[in-house]
Each structure stands twice: as C-alpha cells, then as structure tokens.
C-alpha cells in the first residue's frame, strides 16, 4: 500500500524538522512572553516552509499531512517544548498544509 511507505518518509521528515527547530530555538530558551522573539519566529517559519516545500514536491494526501503534523507535535513534546507552543505549531502546520495546493 502506497501510504505506508510515504508515512515512514513523512515521519522521518518530521523528526528532522524538529531536530532543526531544536538547534535553532532550543526548548531551554523559551520565554513565557506573549511576544515571540525574532529567532523564535524564524525557526518556526523555517519549519513551516520545509513542510510546504515537501508537500509541493510530493503532493501529500490528507493522511500524510496529518501524519506530518502529528509527528512534529510528538517530537516537539518529547524535546521539551511547552504544550501550548507545541499545539499551536502543530495546528498551524496542519492548517498551512491543508491550504496549500500542488501547482
């Protein structure tokens, strides 16, 4: 079945994306401020951009988009990011992927 192979690939991508996020914006420097810093915004934007580029190249279906967003969510939680931040990033990632259409 085509989904399973792509699912593993998307899961590996999600793990790599969170590893990049951890390097650029470690969970230890999270600030409980309502206004995020420039480094924080850029790190999250890069994560979204990588996912959108992958979607453009591979035309992800609904299940693989959900798999990617959930993998990012789980990996961010395991990395030690705050739950609210994790939920916000995963939700926004899912919404951005849902809105993007292959051109």
Foldseek 3Di string as FASTA:
>chain_A
DVVVVLLVVLLVVLLVLVVQLCVQPNQVPDDPDPDDDPSNVVSLVVSLVVLLVVCLVVVDDLVSQLSNLVSNLVNNVVSPHDNVVSVVSSVVSSVSSVPDGHD
